[in-house]
PDB file of N, CA and C in Angstrom:
ATOM      1  N   MET A   1      68.629 107.206 119.823  1.00  0.00           N
ATOM      2  CA  MET A   1      68.042 108.583 119.230  1.00  0.00           C
ATOM      3  C   MET A   1      66.538 107.541 118.469  1.00  0.00           C
ATOM      4  N   SER A   2      65.586 108.343 117.809  1.00  0.00           N
ATOM      5  CA  SER A   2      63.739 108.285 117.420  1.00  0.00           C
ATOM      6  C   SER A   2      63.845 108.256 116.090  1.00  0.00           C
ATOM      7  N   ILE A   3      63.707 107.834 115.077  1.00  0.00           N
ATOM      8  CA  ILE A   3      63.354 107.993 113.825  1.00  0.00           C
ATOM      9  C   ILE A   3      62.098 109.796 113.839  1.00  0.00           C
ATOM     10  N   PRO A   4      63.111 111.011 112.914  1.00  0.00           N
ATOM     11  CA  PRO A   4      62.166 111.814 112.485  1.00  0.00           C
ATOM     12  C   PRO A   4      61.051 111.631 112.072  1.00  0.00           C
ATOM     13  N   SER A   5      60.070 111.417 112.484  1.00  0.00           N
ATOM     14  CA  SER A   5      58.738 110.996 111.534  1.00  0.00           C
ATOM     15  C   SER A   5      58.656 111.619 109.522  1.00  0.00           C
ATOM     16  N   ALA A   6      59.324 112.073 109.260  1.00  0.00           N
ATOM     17  CA  ALA A   6      59.694 112.766 108.092  1.00  0.00           C
ATOM     18  C   ALA A   6      60.111 111.459 107.461  1.00  0.00           C
ATOM     19  N   LEU A   7      61.171 110.628 107.975  1.00  0.00           N
ATOM     20  CA  LEU A   7      62.259 109.409 107.490  1.00  0.00           C
ATOM     21  C   LEU A   7      61.570 107.965 106.866  1.00  0.00           C
ATOM     22  N   SER A   8      62.189 107.394 106.736  1.00  0.00           N
ATOM     23  CA  SER A   8      60.964 106.178 106.007  1.00  0.00           C
ATOM     24  C   SER A   8      62.526 105.194 107.070  1.00  0.00           C
ATOM     25  N   PRO A   9      61.717 104.249 107.589  1.00  0.00           N
ATOM     26  CA  PRO A   9      62.737 103.122 108.488  1.00  0.00           C
ATOM     27  C   PRO A   9      64.108 103.003 107.655  1.00  0.00           C
ATOM     28  N   GLU A  10      64.352 102.578 106.341  1.00  0.00           N
ATOM     29  CA  GLU A  10      65.045 102.608 105.473  1.00  0.00           C
ATOM     30  C   GLU A  10      65.695 103.497 105.385  1.00  0.00           C
ATOM     31  N   LEU A  11      65.306 104.856 104.950  1.00  0.00           N
ATOM     32  CA  LEU A  11      66.709 105.959 105.166  1.00  0.00           C
ATOM     33  C   LEU A  11      66.929 105.985 106.822  1.00  0.00           C
ATOM     34  N   TRP A  12      66.320 105.735 107.603  1.00  0.00           N
ATOM     35  CA  TRP A  12      67.414 106.193 108.660  1.00  0.00           C
ATOM     36  C   TRP A  12      67.870 104.866 109.265  1.00  0.00           C
ATOM     37  N   ARG A  13      68.123 103.766 108.497  1.00  0.00           N
ATOM     38  CA  ARG A  13      69.012 102.536 108.983  1.00  0.00           C
ATOM     39  C   ARG A  13      70.360 103.166 107.915  1.00  0.00           C
ATOM     40  N   LEU A  14      69.971 103.828 106.709  1.00  0.00           N
ATOM     41  CA  LEU A  14      71.219 104.296 106.122  1.00  0.00           C
ATOM     42  C   LEU A  14      71.623 105.595 106.851  1.00  0.00           C
ATOM     43  N   LEU A  15      70.898 106.180 107.446  1.00  0.00           N
ATOM     44  CA  LEU A  15      71.444 107.375 107.759  1.00  0.00           C
ATOM     45  C   LEU A  15      72.673 107.162 109.507  1.00  0.00           C
ATOM     46  N   ARG A  16      71.887 106.015 110.425  1.00  0.00           N
ATOM     47  CA  ARG A  16      72.394 105.151 111.166  1.00  0.00           C
ATOM     48  C   ARG A  16      73.918 105.125 110.984  1.00  0.00           C
ATOM     49  N   THR A  17      73.937 103.654 109.684  1.00  0.00           N
ATOM     50  CA  THR A  17      75.520 103.408 109.752  1.00  0.00           C
ATOM     51  C   THR A  17      76.190 104.160 108.650  1.00  0.00           C
ATOM     52  N   LEU A  18      75.425 105.550 108.532  1.00  0.00           N
ATOM     53  CA  LEU A  18      76.559 106.884 108.057  1.00  0.00           C
ATOM     54  C   LEU A  18      77.384 107.304 108.924  1.00  0.00           C
ATOM     55  N   ARG A  19      76.752 107.906 110.002  1.00  0.00           N
ATOM     56  CA  ARG A  19      76.911 108.497 111.274  1.00  0.00           C
ATOM     57  C   ARG A  19      77.841 107.588 112.072  1.00  0.00           C
ATOM     58  N   GLU A  20      77.667 105.885 112.114  1.00  0.00           N
ATOM     59  CA  GLU A  20      78.588 105.294 112.426  1.00  0.00           C
ATOM     60  C   GLU A  20      79.660 105.172 112.072  1.00  0.00           C
ATOM     61  N   ALA A  21      79.847 105.266 110.916  1.00  0.00           N
ATOM     62  CA  ALA A  21      81.078 105.191 109.974  1.00  0.00           C
ATOM     63  C   ALA A  21      81.836 106.798 110.633  1.00  0.00           C
ATOM     64  N   LEU A  22      81.411 107.281 109.974  1.00  0.00           N
ATOM     65  CA  LEU A  22      81.834 109.115 110.642  1.00  0.00           C
ATOM     66  C   LEU A  22      82.291 109.516 111.873  1.00  0.00           C
ATOM     67  N   GLU A  23      81.714 108.610 112.686  1.00  0.00           N
ATOM     68  CA  GLU A  23      82.162 108.003 113.978  1.00  0.00           C
ATOM     69  C   GLU A  23      83.622 107.572 113.883  1.00  0.00           C
ATOM     70  N   ARG A  24      83.033 106.698 113.362  1.00  0.00           N
ATOM     71  CA  ARG A  24      84.891 106.041 113.413  1.00  0.00           C
ATOM     72  C   ARG A  24      85.494 106.716 112.903  1.00  0.00           C
ATOM     73  N   ARG A  25      85.820 107.503 111.501  1.00  0.00           N
ATOM     74  CA  ARG A  25      86.270 108.232 111.340  1.00  0.00           C
ATOM     75  C   ARG A  25      87.212 109.430 111.166  1.00  0.00           C
ATOM     76  N   TYR A  26      86.006 109.982 112.304  1.00  0.00           N
ATOM     77  CA  TYR A  26      86.248 111.690 112.850  1.00  0.00           C
ATOM     78  C   TYR A  26      86.971 111.540 114.089  1.00  0.00           C
ATOM     79  N   GLY A  27      85.868 110.454 114.737  1.00  0.00           N
ATOM     80  CA  GLY A  27      86.024 110.693 116.781  1.00  0.00           C
ATOM     81  C   GLY A  27      85.360 111.798 117.142  1.00  0.00           C
ATOM     82  N   ALA A  28      86.432 112.662 117.677  1.00  0.00           N
ATOM     83  CA  ALA A  28      85.343 113.575 118.850  1.00  0.00           C
ATOM     84  C   ALA A  28      85.862 115.031 117.277  1.00  0.00           C
ATOM     85  N   ASP A  29      86.556 114.717 116.387  1.00  0.00           N
ATOM     86  CA  ASP A  29      86.113 115.792 115.642  1.00  0.00           C
ATOM     87  C   ASP A  29      84.932 116.270 115.001  1.00  0.00           C
ATOM     88  N   LEU A  30      84.213 115.064 115.203  1.00  0.00           N
ATOM     89  CA  LEU A  30      82.812 115.352 114.234  1.00  0.00           C
ATOM     90  C   LEU A  30      82.145 115.741 115.139  1.00  0.00           C
ATOM     91  N   GLU A  31      81.083 116.943 114.806  1.00  0.00           N
ATOM     92  CA  GLU A  31      80.468 117.727 115.224  1.00  0.00           C
ATOM     93  C   GLU A  31      78.883 117.104 115.501  1.00  0.00           C
ATOM     94  N   ASP A  32      78.655 117.275 113.943  1.00  0.00           N
ATOM     95  CA  ASP A  32      77.044 117.459 114.030  1.00  0.00           C
ATOM     96  C   ASP A  32      76.797 116.521 112.311  1.00  0.00           C
ATOM     97  N   LEU A  33      75.916 116.060 111.982  1.00  0.00           N
ATOM     98  CA  LEU A  33      75.452 115.795 110.652  1.00  0.00           C
ATOM     99  C   LEU A  33      74.442 116.015 110.830  1.00  0.00           C
ATOM    100  N   ILE A  34      73.648 116.570 109.140  1.00  0.00           N
ATOM    101  CA  ILE A  34      72.446 117.460 109.020  1.00  0.00           C
ATOM    102  C   ILE A  34      72.115 117.073 107.725  1.00  0.00           C
ATOM    103  N   LEU A  35      71.069 116.369 107.740  1.00  0.00           N
ATOM    104  CA  LEU A  35      70.049 115.924 106.388  1.00  0.00           C
ATOM    105  C   LEU A  35      69.461 117.658 106.321  1.00  0.00           C
ATOM    106  N   PHE A  36      69.623 117.446 104.655  1.00  0.00           N
ATOM    107  CA  PHE A  36      69.030 118.645 103.990  1.00  0.00           C
ATOM    108  C   PHE A  36      67.863 118.253 102.758  1.00  0.00           C
ATOM    109  N   GLY A  37      67.132 118.979 102.129  1.00  0.00           N
ATOM    110  CA  GLY A  37      66.854 118.823 101.212  1.00  0.00           C
ATOM    111  C   GLY A  37      65.599 118.240 100.944  1.00  0.00           C
ATOM    112  N   SER A  38      65.541 117.324  99.750  1.00  0.00           N
ATOM    113  CA  SER A  38      63.736 116.894  99.453  1.00  0.00           C
ATOM    114  C   SER A  38      64.002 116.059 100.619  1.00  0.00           C
ATOM    115  N   GLU A  39      64.372 115.177 101.061  1.00  0.00           N
ATOM    116  CA  GLU A  39      64.423 114.364 102.446  1.00  0.00           C
ATOM    117  C   GLU A  39      64.153 114.827 103.619  1.00  0.00           C
ATOM    118  N   ALA A  40      64.636 115.908 103.922  1.00  0.00           N
ATOM    119  CA  ALA A  40      64.561 116.645 104.882  1.00  0.00           C
ATOM    120  C   ALA A  40      63.057 117.367 105.465  1.00  0.00           C
ATOM    121  N   ARG A  41      62.494 117.260 103.778  1.00  0.00           N
ATOM    122  CA  ARG A  41      61.435 118.178 104.073  1.00  0.00           C
ATOM    123  C   ARG A  41      60.042 117.516 103.714  1.00  0.00           C
ATOM    124  N   GLY A  42      60.377 116.021 103.396  1.00  0.00           N
ATOM    125  CA  GLY A  42      59.632 115.172 103.286  1.00  0.00           C
ATOM    126  C   GLY A  42      58.927 115.328 101.902  1.00  0.00           C
ATOM    127  N   GLU A  43      60.057 115.286 101.159  1.00  0.00           N
ATOM    128  CA  GLU A  43      59.759 115.954  99.700  1.00  0.00           C
ATOM    129  C   GLU A  43      60.579 115.033  98.614  1.00  0.00           C
ATOM    130  N   ALA A  44      60.848 114.244  99.234  1.00  0.00           N
ATOM    131  CA  ALA A  44      61.432 113.145  98.330  1.00  0.00           C
ATOM    132  C   ALA A  44      60.457 111.785  98.250  1.00  0.00           C
ATOM    133  N   ARG A  45      60.612 111.865  96.485  1.00  0.00           N
ATOM    134  CA  ARG A  45      59.637 110.545  96.262  1.00  0.00           C
ATOM    135  C   ARG A  45      60.261 108.905  95.516  1.00  0.00           C
ATOM    136  N   GLN A  46      59.312 108.063  95.668  1.00  0.00           N
ATOM    137  CA  GLN A  46      60.511 106.669  95.840  1.00  0.00           C
ATOM    138  C   GLN A  46      60.783 106.484  94.462  1.00  0.00           C
ATOM    139  N   ASP A  47      60.008 107.283  93.254  1.00  0.00           N
ATOM    140  CA  ASP A  47      60.511 107.398  91.756  1.00  0.00           C
ATOM    141  C   ASP A  47      61.544 108.027  91.703  1.00  0.00           C
ATOM    142  N   SER A  48      61.675 108.728  92.264  1.00  0.00           N
ATOM    143  CA  SER A  48      62.819 109.576  91.729  1.00  0.00           C
ATOM    144  C   SER A  48      64.212 109.086  92.176  1.00  0.00           C
ATOM    145  N   ASP A  49      64.710 109.824  91.537  1.00  0.00           N
ATOM    146  CA  ASP A  49      66.480 109.228  91.828  1.00  0.00           C
ATOM    147  C   ASP A  49      67.076 110.866  92.472  1.00  0.00           C
ATOM    148  N   SER A  50      66.929 110.960  93.545  1.00  0.00           N
ATOM    149  CA  SER A  50      66.834 112.036  94.111  1.00  0.00           C
ATOM    150  C   SER A  50      68.078 111.508  95.518  1.00  0.00           C
ATOM    151  N   ASP A  51      69.290 112.495  95.473  1.00  0.00           N
ATOM    152  CA  ASP A  51      70.252 111.744  96.574  1.00  0.00           C
ATOM    153  C   ASP A  51      69.976 112.547  98.078  1.00  0.00           C
ATOM    154  N   ILE A  52      71.118 111.566  98.795  1.00  0.00           N
ATOM    155  CA  ILE A  52      71.000 112.228 100.331  1.00  0.00           C
ATOM    156  C   ILE A  52      71.823 113.473 100.636  1.00  0.00           C
ATOM    157  N   ASP A  53      71.126 114.769 100.579  1.00  0.00           N
ATOM    158  CA  ASP A  53      72.069 115.446 101.056  1.00  0.00           C
ATOM    159  C   ASP A  53      72.170 115.860 102.724  1.00  0.00           C
ATOM    160  N   ILE A  54      73.857 115.757 102.676  1.00  0.00           N
ATOM    161  CA  ILE A  54      74.118 115.712 104.058  1.00  0.00           C
ATOM    162  C   ILE A  54      75.718 116.728 104.418  1.00  0.00           C
ATOM    163  N   VAL A  55      75.040 117.390 105.485  1.00  0.00           N
ATOM    164  CA  VAL A  55      76.293 118.428 105.553  1.00  0.00           C
ATOM    165  C   VAL A  55      76.927 117.314 107.149  1.00  0.00           C
ATOM    166  N   LEU A  56      78.283 117.606 106.431  1.00  0.00           N
ATOM    167  CA  LEU A  56      78.819 117.359 107.221  1.00  0.00           C
ATOM    168  C   LEU A  56      79.752 118.061 108.704  1.00  0.00           C
ATOM    169  N   VAL A  57      79.693 118.446 109.860  1.00  0.00           N
ATOM    170  CA  VAL A  57      79.867 119.694 110.355  1.00  0.00           C
ATOM    171  C   VAL A  57      81.795 119.177 111.552  1.00  0.00           C
ATOM    172  N   LEU A  58      82.993 119.243 111.355  1.00  0.00           N
ATOM    173  CA  LEU A  58      83.363 119.058 111.836  1.00  0.00           C
ATOM    174  C   LEU A  58      83.989 120.673 112.831  1.00  0.00           C
ATOM    175  N   ARG A  59      85.269 119.957 113.795  1.00  0.00           N
ATOM    176  CA  ARG A  59      85.133 120.706 114.999  1.00  0.00           C
ATOM    177  C   ARG A  59      86.510 121.571 114.310  1.00  0.00           C
ATOM    178  N   ARG A  60      86.683 120.743 113.492  1.00  0.00           N
ATOM    179  CA  ARG A  60      88.257 121.512 113.322  1.00  0.00           C
ATOM    180  C   ARG A  60      88.101 122.559 111.693  1.00  0.00           C
ATOM    181  N   GLN A  61      89.196 122.949 111.117  1.00  0.00           N
ATOM    182  CA  GLN A  61      89.102 123.563 109.968  1.00  0.00           C
ATOM    183  C   GLN A  61      88.839 121.914 108.937  1.00  0.00           C
ATOM    184  N   VAL A  62      87.872 122.828 107.487  1.00  0.00           N
ATOM    185  CA  VAL A  62      88.288 121.892 106.674  1.00  0.00           C
ATOM    186  C   VAL A  62      88.418 122.527 105.098  1.00  0.00           C
ATOM    187  N   GLN A  63      88.983 121.790 104.628  1.00  0.00           N
ATOM    188  CA  GLN A  63      89.039 121.324 103.195  1.00  0.00           C
ATOM    189  C   GLN A  63      88.221 121.006 102.170  1.00  0.00           C
ATOM    190  N   PRO A  64      87.796 121.376 102.060  1.00  0.00           N
ATOM    191  CA  PRO A  64      86.256 120.380 101.355  1.00  0.00           C
ATOM    192  C   PRO A  64      86.831 119.616 100.492  1.00  0.00           C
ATOM    193  N   GLY A  65      87.602 119.765  99.369  1.00  0.00           N
ATOM    194  CA  GLY A  65      87.787 118.698  98.081  1.00  0.00           C
ATOM    195  C   GLY A  65      88.623 117.260  99.446  1.00  0.00           C
ATOM    196  N   ALA A  66      89.308 117.731 100.145  1.00  0.00           N
ATOM    197  CA  ALA A  66      90.268 116.524 100.794  1.00  0.00           C
ATOM    198  C   ALA A  66      89.090 115.841 101.444  1.00  0.00           C
ATOM    199  N   GLU A  67      88.263 116.510 102.330  1.00  0.00           N
ATOM    200  CA  GLU A  67      87.586 115.420 103.141  1.00  0.00           C
ATOM    201  C   GLU A  67      86.578 114.881 102.298  1.00  0.00           C
ATOM    202  N   ILE A  68      86.213 115.233 100.666  1.00  0.00           N
ATOM    203  CA  ILE A  68      85.349 114.683 100.350  1.00  0.00           C
ATOM    204  C   ILE A  68      86.157 113.341  99.856  1.00  0.00           C
ATOM    205  N   ALA A  69      87.113 113.403  99.732  1.00  0.00           N
ATOM    206  CA  ALA A  69      88.299 112.459  99.240  1.00  0.00           C
ATOM    207  C   ALA A  69      88.494 111.251 100.048  1.00  0.00           C
ATOM    208  N   ARG A  70      88.270 111.948 101.412  1.00  0.00           N
ATOM    209  CA  ARG A  70      88.309 111.232 102.421  1.00  0.00           C
ATOM    210  C   ARG A  70      87.427 110.344 103.084  1.00  0.00           C
ATOM    211  N   LEU A  71      86.540 110.631 102.188  1.00  0.00           N
ATOM    212  CA  LEU A  71      84.357 109.742 102.141  1.00  0.00           C
ATOM    213  C   LEU A  71      84.139 108.702 101.035  1.00  0.00           C
ATOM    214  N   GLY A  72      85.368 108.961 100.475  1.00  0.00           N
ATOM    215  CA  GLY A  72      84.939 108.047  99.204  1.00  0.00           C
ATOM    216  C   GLY A  72      84.574 106.299  99.591  1.00  0.00           C
ATOM    217  N   ASP A  73      85.652 106.320 100.407  1.00  0.00           N
ATOM    218  CA  ASP A  73      85.461 104.190 100.590  1.00  0.00           C
ATOM    219  C   ASP A  73      83.837 103.786 100.843  1.00  0.00           C
ATOM    220  N   ILE A  74      83.433 105.118 102.833  1.00  0.00           N
ATOM    221  CA  ILE A  74      82.485 105.370 103.291  1.00  0.00           C
ATOM    222  C   ILE A  74      80.698 105.758 102.281  1.00  0.00           C
ATOM    223  N   LEU A  75      80.731 106.850 101.046  1.00  0.00           N
ATOM    224  CA  LEU A  75      79.816 107.027  99.937  1.00  0.00           C
ATOM    225  C   LEU A  75      79.420 105.048  99.170  1.00  0.00           C
ATOM    226  N   ALA A  76      80.764 105.169  98.739  1.00  0.00           N
ATOM    227  CA  ALA A  76      80.785 104.243  97.439  1.00  0.00           C
ATOM    228  C   ALA A  76      79.382 102.791  98.425  1.00  0.00           C
ATOM    229  N   ASP A  77      80.141 102.848  99.962  1.00  0.00           N
ATOM    230  CA  ASP A  77      79.698 100.937 100.956  1.00  0.00           C
ATOM    231  C   ASP A  77      78.349 101.468 100.613  1.00  0.00           C
ATOM    232  N   LEU A  78      77.698 102.918 100.855  1.00  0.00           N
ATOM    233  CA  LEU A  78      76.851 103.285 101.593  1.00  0.00           C
ATOM    234  C   LEU A  78      75.425 102.995  99.726  1.00  0.00           C
ATOM    235  N   ASN A  79      76.645 103.383  98.436  1.00  0.00           N
ATOM    236  CA  ASN A  79      75.798 103.543  97.539  1.00  0.00           C
ATOM    237  C   ASN A  79      75.498 101.807  96.789  1.00  0.00           C
ATOM    238  N   LEU A  80      76.709 101.186  97.300  1.00  0.00           N
ATOM    239  CA  LEU A  80      76.212  99.321  97.227  1.00  0.00           C
ATOM    240  C   LEU A  80      75.000  99.177  98.001  1.00  0.00           C
ATOM    241  N   SER A  81      75.127  99.378  99.154  1.00  0.00           N
ATOM    242  CA  SER A  81      74.698  98.203 100.480  1.00  0.00           C
ATOM    243  C   SER A  81      72.851  98.990  99.966  1.00  0.00           C
ATOM    244  N   TYR A  82      72.649 100.107  99.635  1.00  0.00           N
ATOM    245  CA  TYR A  82      71.304 101.075  99.607  1.00  0.00           C
ATOM    246  C   TYR A  82      70.577 101.565  98.619  1.00  0.00           C
ATOM    247  N   GLY A  83      71.816 101.194  97.653  1.00  0.00           N
ATOM    248  CA  GLY A  83      71.037 101.887  95.927  1.00  0.00           C
ATOM    249  C   GLY A  83      71.131 103.485  95.986  1.00  0.00           C
ATOM    250  N   ARG A  84      71.281 104.110  97.353  1.00  0.00           N
ATOM    251  CA  ARG A  84      70.852 105.335  96.932  1.00  0.00           C
ATOM    252  C   ARG A  84      72.668 106.344  97.019  1.00  0.00           C
ATOM    253  N   LEU A  85      72.496 107.136  96.904  1.00  0.00           N
ATOM    254  CA  LEU A  85      73.592 108.336  96.467  1.00  0.00           C
ATOM    255  C   LEU A  85      73.705 109.185  97.769  1.00  0.00           C
ATOM    256  N   VAL A  86      75.053 109.090  98.527  1.00  0.00           N
ATOM    257  CA  VAL A  86      74.819 110.007  99.283  1.00  0.00           C
ATOM    258  C   VAL A  86      75.760 111.257  99.050  1.00  0.00           C
ATOM    259  N   SER A  87      75.375 112.563  99.428  1.00  0.00           N
ATOM    260  CA  SER A  87      76.318 113.348  98.726  1.00  0.00           C
ATOM    261  C   SER A  87      76.428 114.616 100.378  1.00  0.00           C
ATOM    262  N   VAL A  88      78.023 114.520 100.646  1.00  0.00           N
ATOM    263  CA  VAL A  88      78.627 115.361 101.947  1.00  0.00           C
ATOM    264  C   VAL A  88      79.013 116.643 101.432  1.00  0.00           C
ATOM    265  N   ILE A  89      78.437 117.422 101.910  1.00  0.00           N
ATOM    266  CA  ILE A  89      78.928 118.522 102.075  1.00  0.00           C
ATOM    267  C   ILE A  89      80.246 118.813 103.012  1.00  0.00           C
ATOM    268  N   PRO A  90      81.167 119.030 103.091  1.00  0.00           N
ATOM    269  CA  PRO A  90      82.141 119.235 104.527  1.00  0.00           C
ATOM    270  C   PRO A  90      81.649 120.759 105.241  1.00  0.00           C
ATOM    271  N   THR A  91      81.881 120.910 106.466  1.00  0.00           N
ATOM    272  CA  THR A  91      82.057 122.369 107.049  1.00  0.00           C
ATOM    273  C   THR A  91      82.798 122.884 108.031  1.00  0.00           C
ATOM    274  N   SER A  92      83.656 123.679 108.575  1.00  0.00           N
ATOM    275  CA  SER A  92      84.083 124.131 109.638  1.00  0.00           C
ATOM    276  C   SER A  92      82.726 124.152 111.093  1.00  0.00           C
ATOM    277  N   GLN A  93      82.772 124.050 112.274  1.00  0.00           N
ATOM    278  CA  GLN A  93      81.787 124.031 113.212  1.00  0.00           C
ATOM    279  C   GLN A  93      81.832 125.656 112.885  1.00  0.00           C
ATOM    280  N   SER A  94      82.819 126.224 112.913  1.00  0.00           N
ATOM    281  CA  SER A  94      82.677 127.540 112.956  1.00  0.00           C
ATOM    282  C   SER A  94      81.936 128.542 111.295  1.00  0.00           C
ATOM    283  N   HIS A  95      82.344 127.736 110.490  1.00  0.00           N
ATOM    284  CA  HIS A  95      81.523 128.187 108.993  1.00  0.00           C
ATOM    285  C   HIS A  95      79.860 128.314 108.770  1.00  0.00           C
ATOM    286  N   TYR A  96      79.922 127.003 109.737  1.00  0.00           N
ATOM    287  CA  TYR A  96      78.178 126.925 109.707  1.00  0.00           C
ATOM    288  C   TYR A  96      77.780 126.972 110.395  1.00  0.00           C
ATOM    289  N   GLN A  97      78.189 127.702 111.731  1.00  0.00           N
ATOM    290  CA  GLN A  97      77.402 128.921 112.480  1.00  0.00           C
ATOM    291  C   GLN A  97      77.234 130.269 112.119  1.00  0.00           C
ATOM    292  N   GLN A  98      78.522 130.489 110.921  1.00  0.00           N
ATOM    293  CA  GLN A  98      78.669 132.134 110.728  1.00  0.00           C
ATOM    294  C   GLN A  98      78.592 132.105 109.520  1.00  0.00           C
ATOM    295  N   ALA A  99      78.085 131.081 108.431  1.00  0.00           N
ATOM    296  CA  ALA A  99      77.349 131.501 107.280  1.00  0.00           C
ATOM    297  C   ALA A  99      76.421 132.201 107.151  1.00  0.00           C
ATOM    298  N   LEU A 100      76.314 132.863 106.099  1.00  0.00           N
ATOM    299  CA  LEU A 100      75.269 133.711 105.917  1.00  0.00           C
ATOM    300  C   LEU A 100      74.389 134.040 104.404  1.00  0.00           C
ATOM    301  N   GLY A 101      75.197 133.140 103.904  1.00  0.00           N
ATOM    302  CA  GLY A 101      73.869 132.729 102.724  1.00  0.00           C
ATOM    303  C   GLY A 101      72.908 132.198 102.314  1.00  0.00           C
ATOM    304  N   PRO A 102      71.914 132.299 101.494  1.00  0.00           N
ATOM    305  CA  PRO A 102      71.123 131.566 101.252  1.00  0.00           C
ATOM    306  C   PRO A 102      70.595 130.139 101.361  1.00  0.00           C
ATOM    307  N   PHE A 103      72.117 129.185 101.054  1.00  0.00           N
ATOM    308  CA  PHE A 103      71.935 128.000 101.023  1.00  0.00           C
ATOM    309  C   PHE A 103      72.231 127.295 102.623  1.00  0.00           C
ATOM    310  N   TRP A 104      73.429 128.292 103.572  1.00  0.00           N
ATOM    311  CA  TRP A 104      73.769 128.021 104.558  1.00  0.00           C
ATOM    312  C   TRP A 104      72.255 128.616 105.704  1.00  0.00           C
ATOM    313  N   ARG A 105      72.241 129.941 105.213  1.00  0.00           N
ATOM    314  CA  ARG A 105      70.683 129.711 106.281  1.00  0.00           C
ATOM    315  C   ARG A 105      69.402 128.746 105.631  1.00  0.00           C
ATOM    316  N   ASN A 106      68.964 127.995 104.761  1.00  0.00           N
ATOM    317  CA  ASN A 106      68.365 126.711 104.361  1.00  0.00           C
ATOM    318  C   ASN A 106      68.540 125.520 104.707  1.00  0.00           C
ATOM    319  N   VAL A 107      69.703 125.394 105.158  1.00  0.00           N
ATOM    320  CA  VAL A 107      70.124 124.128 105.682  1.00  0.00           C
ATOM    321  C   VAL A 107      69.884 124.776 107.409  1.00  0.00           C
ATOM    322  N   ARG A 108      70.459 125.450 107.989  1.00  0.00           N
ATOM    323  CA  ARG A 108      69.851 125.565 109.390  1.00  0.00           C
ATOM    324  C   ARG A 108      68.441 125.688 109.261  1.00  0.00           C
ATOM    325  N   ALA A 109      67.547 125.898 108.522  1.00  0.00           N
ATOM    326  CA  ALA A 109      66.149 126.534 109.183  1.00  0.00           C
ATOM    327  C   ALA A 109      65.342 125.270 108.926  1.00  0.00           C
ATOM    328  N   GLU A 110      65.820 124.151 107.577  1.00  0.00           N
ATOM    329  CA  GLU A 110      65.154 123.381 107.498  1.00  0.00           C
ATOM    330  C   GLU A 110      65.928 121.709 108.000  1.00  0.00           C
ATOM    331  N   GLY A 111      67.114 121.621 108.040  1.00  0.00           N
ATOM    332  CA  GLY A 111      67.800 120.300 108.107  1.00  0.00           C
ATOM    333  C   GLY A 111      67.616 119.451 109.347  1.00  0.00           C
ATOM    334  N   ILE A 112      67.817 118.345 109.282  1.00  0.00           N
ATOM    335  CA  ILE A 112      67.797 117.318 110.641  1.00  0.00           C
ATOM    336  C   ILE A 112      69.040 117.066 110.852  1.00  0.00           C
ATOM    337  N   ARG A 113      69.113 117.125 111.994  1.00  0.00           N
ATOM    338  CA  ARG A 113      70.239 117.376 112.627  1.00  0.00           C
ATOM    339  C   ARG A 113      69.983 115.590 113.541  1.00  0.00           C
ATOM    340  N   LEU A 114      70.981 114.478 112.701  1.00  0.00           N
ATOM    341  CA  LEU A 114      70.745 113.783 113.057  1.00  0.00           C
ATOM    342  C   LEU A 114      72.108 112.931 113.980  1.00  0.00           C
TER     343      LEU A 114
END
């Protein structure tokens, strides 16, 4: 995968590390990772403490709270290694494709698939 122009090399390394960890954790259940928010729009600033927003799309039904708890070690390691907070919103593939709310429409419109 090549680096999308909106992403810094450091952010790209973090995202690759996250993707690799999630592939090990979820295997064939991992459908997609989508970066959204200020980082995806190229609006994040170095002097801000904005987090990195990710939608985790799985090929099975998802209980968001359970999945967030399951990701705690991966997200803590990323925070320690890169000094950045990564926020993950887990969802199922069917929910991601069919959700009609403004949040999901926005993620589908501006998100960067990783």
